[in-house]
Amino acid sequence: MGEVTGPRGQEIGAGRDALRAFMRAHHLAPTRWAKEAGVPLGEILGYLTGRTRHISAATVAKLAAIAGVTPDDLFRP
């Protein structure tokens, strides 16, 4: 059988790339950002490295609040 890929995986990859780009643009290091937001560093790193497919909405909301943006802004390309 051939390989099958759906748009869901591509969307997740795009979200990771957008979050990385946001972090670079705002000079955010995962360790410090997680600490300031009071969220587990492992959740952020797991998502960024692809070990997990999702990051919780609560974590996204806390990270966005610390960065002074909306949660959607973290994932804009």
C-alpha atoms as a PDB file:
ATOM      1  CA  MET A   1       0.000   0.000   0.000  1.00  0.00           C
ATOM      2  CA  GLY A   2       1.120   3.563  -0.653  1.00  0.00           C
ATOM      3  CA  GLU A   3       1.704   6.254   1.899  1.00  0.00           C
ATOM      4  CA  VAL A   4      -1.285   8.354   2.839  1.00  0.00           C
ATOM      5  CA  THR A   5      -1.056  11.765   4.426  1.00  0.00           C
ATOM      6  CA  GLY A   6      -3.951  13.943   5.368  1.00  0.00           C
ATOM      7  CA  PRO A   7      -4.131  17.650   5.900  1.00  0.00           C
ATOM      8  CA  ARG A   8      -4.325  17.198   9.682  1.00  0.00           C
ATOM      9  CA  GLY A   9      -0.633  16.366   9.933  1.00  0.00           C
ATOM     10  CA  GLN A  10       0.254  19.252   7.695  1.00  0.00           C
ATOM     11  CA  GLU A  11      -1.789  21.606   9.860  1.00  0.00           C
ATOM     12  CA  ILE A  12       0.030  20.433  12.983  1.00  0.00           C
ATOM     13  CA  GLY A  13       3.391  20.945  11.303  1.00  0.00           C
ATOM     14  CA  ALA A  14       2.351  24.407  10.180  1.00  0.00           C
ATOM     15  CA  GLY A  15       1.305  25.224  13.747  1.00  0.00           C
ATOM     16  CA  ARG A  16       4.706  24.167  15.054  1.00  0.00           C
ATOM     17  CA  ASP A  17       6.470  26.259  12.443  1.00  0.00           C
ATOM     18  CA  ALA A  18       4.278  29.273  13.217  1.00  0.00           C
ATOM     19  CA  LEU A  19       4.912  28.939  16.961  1.00  0.00           C
ATOM     20  CA  ARG A  20       8.670  28.704  16.372  1.00  0.00           C
ATOM     21  CA  ALA A  21       8.535  31.787  14.138  1.00  0.00           C
ATOM     22  CA  PHE A  22       6.537  33.672  16.787  1.00  0.00           C
ATOM     23  CA  MET A  23       9.080  32.733  19.439  1.00  0.00           C
ATOM     24  CA  ARG A  24      11.978  33.909  17.264  1.00  0.00           C
ATOM     25  CA  ALA A  25      10.249  37.167  16.360  1.00  0.00           C
ATOM     26  CA  HIS A  26       9.515  37.939  20.018  1.00  0.00           C
ATOM     27  CA  HIS A  27      12.834  36.627  21.374  1.00  0.00           C
ATOM     28  CA  LEU A  28      11.104  34.033  23.573  1.00  0.00           C
ATOM     29  CA  ALA A  29      13.131  31.151  24.972  1.00  0.00           C
ATOM     30  CA  PRO A  30      10.988  28.119  25.858  1.00  0.00           C
ATOM     31  CA  THR A  31      12.435  27.712  29.357  1.00  0.00           C
ATOM     32  CA  ARG A  32      11.876  31.291  30.449  1.00  0.00           C
ATOM     33  CA  TRP A  33       8.508  31.597  28.696  1.00  0.00           C
ATOM     34  CA  ALA A  34       7.202  28.422  30.350  1.00  0.00           C
ATOM     35  CA  LYS A  35       8.406  29.563  33.759  1.00  0.00           C
ATOM     36  CA  GLU A  36       6.823  33.009  33.422  1.00  0.00           C
ATOM     37  CA  ALA A  37       3.531  31.469  32.246  1.00  0.00           C
ATOM     38  CA  GLY A  38       3.549  28.771  34.914  1.00  0.00           C
ATOM     39  CA  VAL A  39       3.225  25.932  32.413  1.00  0.00           C
ATOM     40  CA  PRO A  40       5.220  22.709  32.074  1.00  0.00           C
ATOM     41  CA  LEU A  41       8.300  23.160  29.915  1.00  0.00           C
ATOM     42  CA  GLY A  42       7.881  19.589  28.698  1.00  0.00           C
ATOM     43  CA  GLU A  43       4.553  20.424  27.106  1.00  0.00           C
ATOM     44  CA  ILE A  44       6.085  23.208  25.026  1.00  0.00           C
ATOM     45  CA  LEU A  45       9.176  21.235  24.076  1.00  0.00           C
ATOM     46  CA  GLY A  46       7.155  18.108  23.341  1.00  0.00           C
ATOM     47  CA  TYR A  47       5.022  20.057  20.896  1.00  0.00           C
ATOM     48  CA  LEU A  48       7.932  21.880  19.273  1.00  0.00           C
ATOM     49  CA  THR A  49       9.927  18.690  18.768  1.00  0.00           C
ATOM     50  CA  GLY A  50       6.982  16.661  17.504  1.00  0.00           C
ATOM     51  CA  ARG A  51       6.871  14.251  20.426  1.00  0.00           C
ATOM     52  CA  THR A  52       3.285  15.350  21.058  1.00  0.00           C
ATOM     53  CA  ARG A  53       0.720  16.419  18.490  1.00  0.00           C
ATOM     54  CA  HIS A  54      -1.105  18.955  20.616  1.00  0.00           C
ATOM     55  CA  ILE A  55      -0.536  21.639  23.172  1.00  0.00           C
ATOM     56  CA  SER A  56      -3.401  22.263  25.584  1.00  0.00           C
ATOM     57  CA  ALA A  57      -5.675  25.264  25.177  1.00  0.00           C
ATOM     58  CA  ALA A  58      -4.954  26.278  28.774  1.00  0.00           C
ATOM     59  CA  THR A  59      -1.208  26.318  28.104  1.00  0.00           C
ATOM     60  CA  VAL A  60      -1.670  28.286  24.884  1.00  0.00           C
ATOM     61  CA  ALA A  61      -3.823  30.835  26.720  1.00  0.00           C
ATOM     62  CA  LYS A  62      -1.206  31.308  29.453  1.00  0.00           C
ATOM     63  CA  LEU A  63       1.640  31.627  26.949  1.00  0.00           C
ATOM     64  CA  ALA A  64      -0.336  34.164  24.912  1.00  0.00           C
ATOM     65  CA  ALA A  65      -1.149  36.205  28.012  1.00  0.00           C
ATOM     66  CA  ILE A  66       2.536  36.446  28.946  1.00  0.00           C
ATOM     67  CA  ALA A  67       3.405  37.467  25.368  1.00  0.00           C
ATOM     68  CA  GLY A  68       0.589  40.047  25.333  1.00  0.00           C
ATOM     69  CA  VAL A  69      -1.209  38.565  22.326  1.00  0.00           C
ATOM     70  CA  THR A  70      -4.252  36.431  21.605  1.00  0.00           C
ATOM     71  CA  PRO A  71      -3.882  32.636  21.519  1.00  0.00           C
ATOM     72  CA  ASP A  72      -4.515  32.680  17.750  1.00  0.00           C
ATOM     73  CA  ASP A  73      -1.564  35.042  17.259  1.00  0.00           C
ATOM     74  CA  LEU A  74       0.836  32.323  18.419  1.00  0.00           C
ATOM     75  CA  PHE A  75      -0.048  30.180  15.410  1.00  0.00           C
ATOM     76  CA  ARG A  76      -0.369  32.724  12.598  1.00  0.00           C
ATOM     77  CA  PRO A  77       1.998  31.981   9.729  1.00  0.00           C
END
